[in-house]
Amino acid sequence: FTHSVLMTFADEAARQRYLPHPEHDALKAIFRPVLERIIVLDYTLQAGDAVSI
């Protein structure tokens, strides 16, 4: 894999609101035709987890 997309949400409720949102569907419509394979990883950081980008 050569590319990734990172999305950050304020909390789980915000992520749940985004999943069925039309903007999410619009992004899928853009990415899917140009990608051979897709891996989706959902994770939640816990308080105190180190974050480095």
PDB file of N, CA and C in Angstrom:
ATOM      1  N   PHE A   1       0.841  -1.182   0.000  1.00  0.00           N
ATOM      2  CA  PHE A   1       0.000   0.000   0.000  1.00  0.00           C
ATOM      3  C   PHE A   1       0.883   1.241   0.000  1.00  0.00           C
ATOM      4  N   THR A   2       0.491   2.238  -0.756  1.00  0.00           N
ATOM      5  CA  THR A   2       1.301   3.446  -0.893  1.00  0.00           C
ATOM      6  C   THR A   2       0.641   4.697  -0.327  1.00  0.00           C
ATOM      7  N   HIS A   3      -0.640   4.627  -0.010  1.00  0.00           N
ATOM      8  CA  HIS A   3      -1.357   5.805   0.476  1.00  0.00           C
ATOM      9  C   HIS A   3      -2.209   5.442   1.690  1.00  0.00           C
ATOM     10  N   SER A   4      -2.499   6.456   2.474  1.00  0.00           N
ATOM     11  CA  SER A   4      -3.421   6.238   3.587  1.00  0.00           C
ATOM     12  C   SER A   4      -4.253   7.498   3.807  1.00  0.00           C
ATOM     13  N   VAL A   5      -5.378   7.313   4.431  1.00  0.00           N
ATOM     14  CA  VAL A   5      -6.247   8.421   4.812  1.00  0.00           C
ATOM     15  C   VAL A   5      -6.482   8.286   6.306  1.00  0.00           C
ATOM     16  N   LEU A   6      -6.214   9.337   7.041  1.00  0.00           N
ATOM     17  CA  LEU A   6      -6.412   9.338   8.485  1.00  0.00           C
ATOM     18  C   LEU A   6      -7.531  10.306   8.808  1.00  0.00           C
ATOM     19  N   MET A   7      -8.516   9.824   9.506  1.00  0.00           N
ATOM     20  CA  MET A   7      -9.623  10.674   9.928  1.00  0.00           C
ATOM     21  C   MET A   7      -9.684  10.628  11.445  1.00  0.00           C
ATOM     22  N   THR A   8      -9.839  11.785  12.060  1.00  0.00           N
ATOM     23  CA  THR A   8      -9.908  11.891  13.507  1.00  0.00           C
ATOM     24  C   THR A   8     -11.265  12.464  13.891  1.00  0.00           C
ATOM     25  N   PHE A   9     -11.906  11.839  14.857  1.00  0.00           N
ATOM     26  CA  PHE A   9     -13.217  12.277  15.318  1.00  0.00           C
ATOM     27  C   PHE A   9     -13.126  12.643  16.793  1.00  0.00           C
ATOM     28  N   ALA A  10     -13.974  13.558  17.210  1.00  0.00           N
ATOM     29  CA  ALA A  10     -13.971  14.005  18.608  1.00  0.00           C
ATOM     30  C   ALA A  10     -14.294  12.867  19.559  1.00  0.00           C
ATOM     31  N   ASP A  11     -15.172  11.966  19.126  1.00  0.00           N
ATOM     32  CA  ASP A  11     -15.555  10.832  19.961  1.00  0.00           C
ATOM     33  C   ASP A  11     -16.249   9.787  19.086  1.00  0.00           C
ATOM     34  N   GLU A  12     -16.603   8.670  19.683  1.00  0.00           N
ATOM     35  CA  GLU A  12     -17.242   7.574  18.951  1.00  0.00           C
ATOM     36  C   GLU A  12     -18.577   8.005  18.351  1.00  0.00           C
ATOM     37  N   ALA A  13     -19.306   8.846  19.052  1.00  0.00           N
ATOM     38  CA  ALA A  13     -20.596   9.313  18.531  1.00  0.00           C
ATOM     39  C   ALA A  13     -20.402  10.094  17.230  1.00  0.00           C
ATOM     40  N   ALA A  14     -19.355  10.894  17.159  1.00  0.00           N
ATOM     41  CA  ALA A  14     -19.073  11.653  15.935  1.00  0.00           C
ATOM     42  C   ALA A  14     -18.730  10.715  14.788  1.00  0.00           C
ATOM     43  N   ARG A  15     -17.966   9.670  15.064  1.00  0.00           N
ATOM     44  CA  ARG A  15     -17.636   8.682  14.024  1.00  0.00           C
ATOM     45  C   ARG A  15     -18.897   7.980  13.542  1.00  0.00           C
ATOM     46  N   GLN A  16     -19.766   7.631  14.461  1.00  0.00           N
ATOM     47  CA  GLN A  16     -21.013   6.951  14.098  1.00  0.00           C
ATOM     48  C   GLN A  16     -21.919   7.849  13.248  1.00  0.00           C
ATOM     49  N   ARG A  17     -21.901   9.152  13.516  1.00  0.00           N
ATOM     50  CA  ARG A  17     -22.691  10.080  12.695  1.00  0.00           C
ATOM     51  C   ARG A  17     -22.105  10.211  11.294  1.00  0.00           C
ATOM     52  N   TYR A  18     -20.783  10.130  11.188  1.00  0.00           N
ATOM     53  CA  TYR A  18     -20.118  10.297   9.892  1.00  0.00           C
ATOM     54  C   TYR A  18     -20.328   9.100   8.969  1.00  0.00           C
ATOM     55  N   LEU A  19     -20.333   7.897   9.507  1.00  0.00           N
ATOM     56  CA  LEU A  19     -20.384   6.698   8.664  1.00  0.00           C
ATOM     57  C   LEU A  19     -21.532   6.701   7.661  1.00  0.00           C
ATOM     58  N   PRO A  20     -22.764   7.043   8.038  1.00  0.00           N
ATOM     59  CA  PRO A  20     -23.844   7.062   7.048  1.00  0.00           C
ATOM     60  C   PRO A  20     -24.015   8.422   6.340  1.00  0.00           C
ATOM     61  N   HIS A  21     -23.129   9.365   6.620  1.00  0.00           N
ATOM     62  CA  HIS A  21     -23.271  10.724   6.099  1.00  0.00           C
ATOM     63  C   HIS A  21     -22.982  10.776   4.592  1.00  0.00           C
ATOM     64  N   PRO A  22     -23.683  11.626   3.855  1.00  0.00           N
ATOM     65  CA  PRO A  22     -23.442  11.764   2.414  1.00  0.00           C
ATOM     66  C   PRO A  22     -21.999  12.144   2.058  1.00  0.00           C
ATOM     67  N   GLU A  23     -21.311  12.891   2.913  1.00  0.00           N
ATOM     68  CA  GLU A  23     -19.912  13.229   2.630  1.00  0.00           C
ATOM     69  C   GLU A  23     -19.030  11.984   2.656  1.00  0.00           C
ATOM     70  N   HIS A  24     -19.328  11.043   3.534  1.00  0.00           N
ATOM     71  CA  HIS A  24     -18.594   9.788   3.572  1.00  0.00           C
ATOM     72  C   HIS A  24     -18.833   9.008   2.289  1.00  0.00           C
ATOM     73  N   ASP A  25     -20.077   8.949   1.851  1.00  0.00           N
ATOM     74  CA  ASP A  25     -20.401   8.267   0.596  1.00  0.00           C
ATOM     75  C   ASP A  25     -19.704   8.933  -0.587  1.00  0.00           C
ATOM     76  N   ALA A  26     -19.596  10.255  -0.571  1.00  0.00           N
ATOM     77  CA  ALA A  26     -18.920  10.971  -1.652  1.00  0.00           C
ATOM     78  C   ALA A  26     -17.435  10.608  -1.708  1.00  0.00           C
ATOM     79  N   LEU A  27     -16.787  10.512  -0.547  1.00  0.00           N
ATOM     80  CA  LEU A  27     -15.376  10.107  -0.525  1.00  0.00           C
ATOM     81  C   LEU A  27     -15.201   8.687  -1.036  1.00  0.00           C
ATOM     82  N   LYS A  28     -16.084   7.797  -0.640  1.00  0.00           N
ATOM     83  CA  LYS A  28     -16.007   6.416  -1.129  1.00  0.00           C
ATOM     84  C   LYS A  28     -16.155   6.383  -2.643  1.00  0.00           C
ATOM     85  N   ALA A  29     -17.044   7.184  -3.185  1.00  0.00           N
ATOM     86  CA  ALA A  29     -17.260   7.212  -4.633  1.00  0.00           C
ATOM     87  C   ALA A  29     -16.016   7.694  -5.374  1.00  0.00           C
ATOM     88  N   ILE A  30     -15.239   8.576  -4.752  1.00  0.00           N
ATOM     89  CA  ILE A  30     -14.007   9.066  -5.370  1.00  0.00           C
ATOM     90  C   ILE A  30     -12.902   8.024  -5.288  1.00  0.00           C
ATOM     91  N   PHE A  31     -12.712   7.426  -4.113  1.00  0.00           N
ATOM     92  CA  PHE A  31     -11.576   6.544  -3.887  1.00  0.00           C
ATOM     93  C   PHE A  31     -11.734   5.146  -4.479  1.00  0.00           C
ATOM     94  N   ARG A  32     -12.873   4.547  -4.351  1.00  0.00           N
ATOM     95  CA  ARG A  32     -13.025   3.147  -4.752  1.00  0.00           C
ATOM     96  C   ARG A  32     -12.649   2.854  -6.201  1.00  0.00           C
ATOM     97  N   PRO A  33     -13.025   3.685  -7.163  1.00  0.00           N
ATOM     98  CA  PRO A  33     -12.681   3.358  -8.549  1.00  0.00           C
ATOM     99  C   PRO A  33     -11.177   3.369  -8.845  1.00  0.00           C
ATOM    100  N   VAL A  34     -10.389   4.079  -8.046  1.00  0.00           N
ATOM    101  CA  VAL A  34      -8.957   4.193  -8.337  1.00  0.00           C
ATOM    102  C   VAL A  34      -8.093   3.315  -7.434  1.00  0.00           C
ATOM    103  N   LEU A  35      -8.713   2.574  -6.540  1.00  0.00           N
ATOM    104  CA  LEU A  35      -7.963   1.722  -5.625  1.00  0.00           C
ATOM    105  C   LEU A  35      -8.130   0.259  -5.991  1.00  0.00           C
ATOM    106  N   GLU A  36      -7.013  -0.436  -6.000  1.00  0.00           N
ATOM    107  CA  GLU A  36      -7.057  -1.869  -6.272  1.00  0.00           C
ATOM    108  C   GLU A  36      -7.514  -2.644  -5.042  1.00  0.00           C
ATOM    109  N   ARG A  37      -6.978  -2.257  -3.879  1.00  0.00           N
ATOM    110  CA  ARG A  37      -7.339  -2.919  -2.622  1.00  0.00           C
ATOM    111  C   ARG A  37      -7.530  -1.864  -1.542  1.00  0.00           C
ATOM    112  N   ILE A  38      -8.353  -2.190  -0.564  1.00  0.00           N
ATOM    113  CA  ILE A  38      -8.633  -1.268   0.535  1.00  0.00           C
ATOM    114  C   ILE A  38      -8.551  -2.035   1.855  1.00  0.00           C
ATOM    115  N   ILE A  39      -7.887  -1.440   2.821  1.00  0.00           N
ATOM    116  CA  ILE A  39      -7.893  -1.952   4.190  1.00  0.00           C
ATOM    117  C   ILE A  39      -8.411  -0.821   5.076  1.00  0.00           C
ATOM    118  N   VAL A  40      -9.374  -1.116   5.908  1.00  0.00           N
ATOM    119  CA  VAL A  40      -9.918  -0.128   6.839  1.00  0.00           C
ATOM    120  C   VAL A  40      -9.538  -0.557   8.253  1.00  0.00           C
ATOM    121  N   LEU A  41      -8.927   0.350   8.989  1.00  0.00           N
ATOM    122  CA  LEU A  41      -8.554   0.093  10.378  1.00  0.00           C
ATOM    123  C   LEU A  41      -9.221   1.148  11.252  1.00  0.00           C
ATOM    124  N   ASP A  42     -10.075   0.728  12.129  1.00  0.00           N
ATOM    125  CA  ASP A  42     -10.695   1.631  13.098  1.00  0.00           C
ATOM    126  C   ASP A  42     -10.064   1.359  14.458  1.00  0.00           C
ATOM    127  N   TYR A  43      -9.663   2.404  15.137  1.00  0.00           N
ATOM    128  CA  TYR A  43      -9.095   2.229  16.471  1.00  0.00           C
ATOM    129  C   TYR A  43      -9.390   3.455  17.313  1.00  0.00           C
ATOM    130  N   THR A  44      -9.341   3.281  18.601  1.00  0.00           N
ATOM    131  CA  THR A  44      -9.584   4.357  19.548  1.00  0.00           C
ATOM    132  C   THR A  44      -8.359   4.518  20.428  1.00  0.00           C
ATOM    133  N   LEU A  45      -7.857   5.730  20.521  1.00  0.00           N
ATOM    134  CA  LEU A  45      -6.751   6.004  21.429  1.00  0.00           C
ATOM    135  C   LEU A  45      -7.299   6.142  22.837  1.00  0.00           C
ATOM    136  N   GLN A  46      -6.567   5.627  23.769  1.00  0.00           N
ATOM    137  CA  GLN A  46      -6.940   5.736  25.172  1.00  0.00           C
ATOM    138  C   GLN A  46      -6.199   6.917  25.792  1.00  0.00           C
ATOM    139  N   ALA A  47      -6.727   7.455  26.855  1.00  0.00           N
ATOM    140  CA  ALA A  47      -6.063   8.551  27.559  1.00  0.00           C
ATOM    141  C   ALA A  47      -4.634   8.142  27.883  1.00  0.00           C
ATOM    142  N   GLY A  48      -3.696   8.996  27.560  1.00  0.00           N
ATOM    143  CA  GLY A  48      -2.295   8.711  27.832  1.00  0.00           C
ATOM    144  C   GLY A  48      -1.559   8.062  26.677  1.00  0.00           C
ATOM    145  N   ASP A  49      -2.267   7.616  25.631  1.00  0.00           N
ATOM    146  CA  ASP A  49      -1.593   7.042  24.468  1.00  0.00           C
ATOM    147  C   ASP A  49      -0.753   8.117  23.785  1.00  0.00           C
ATOM    148  N   ALA A  50       0.445   7.750  23.372  1.00  0.00           N
ATOM    149  CA  ALA A  50       1.311   8.681  22.653  1.00  0.00           C
ATOM    150  C   ALA A  50       0.828   8.798  21.212  1.00  0.00           C
ATOM    151  N   VAL A  51       0.823  10.015  20.701  1.00  0.00           N
ATOM    152  CA  VAL A  51       0.416  10.256  19.319  1.00  0.00           C
ATOM    153  C   VAL A  51       1.548  10.975  18.609  1.00  0.00           C
ATOM    154  N   SER A  52       1.979  10.443  17.472  1.00  0.00           N
ATOM    155  CA  SER A  52       3.032  11.063  16.682  1.00  0.00           C
ATOM    156  C   SER A  52       2.705  10.876  15.216  1.00  0.00           C
ATOM    157  N   ILE A  53       2.626  11.976  14.515  1.00  0.00           N
ATOM    158  CA  ILE A  53       2.342  11.907  13.075  1.00  0.00           C
ATOM    159  C   ILE A  53       3.476  12.558  12.324  1.00  0.00           C
TER     160      ILE A  53
END
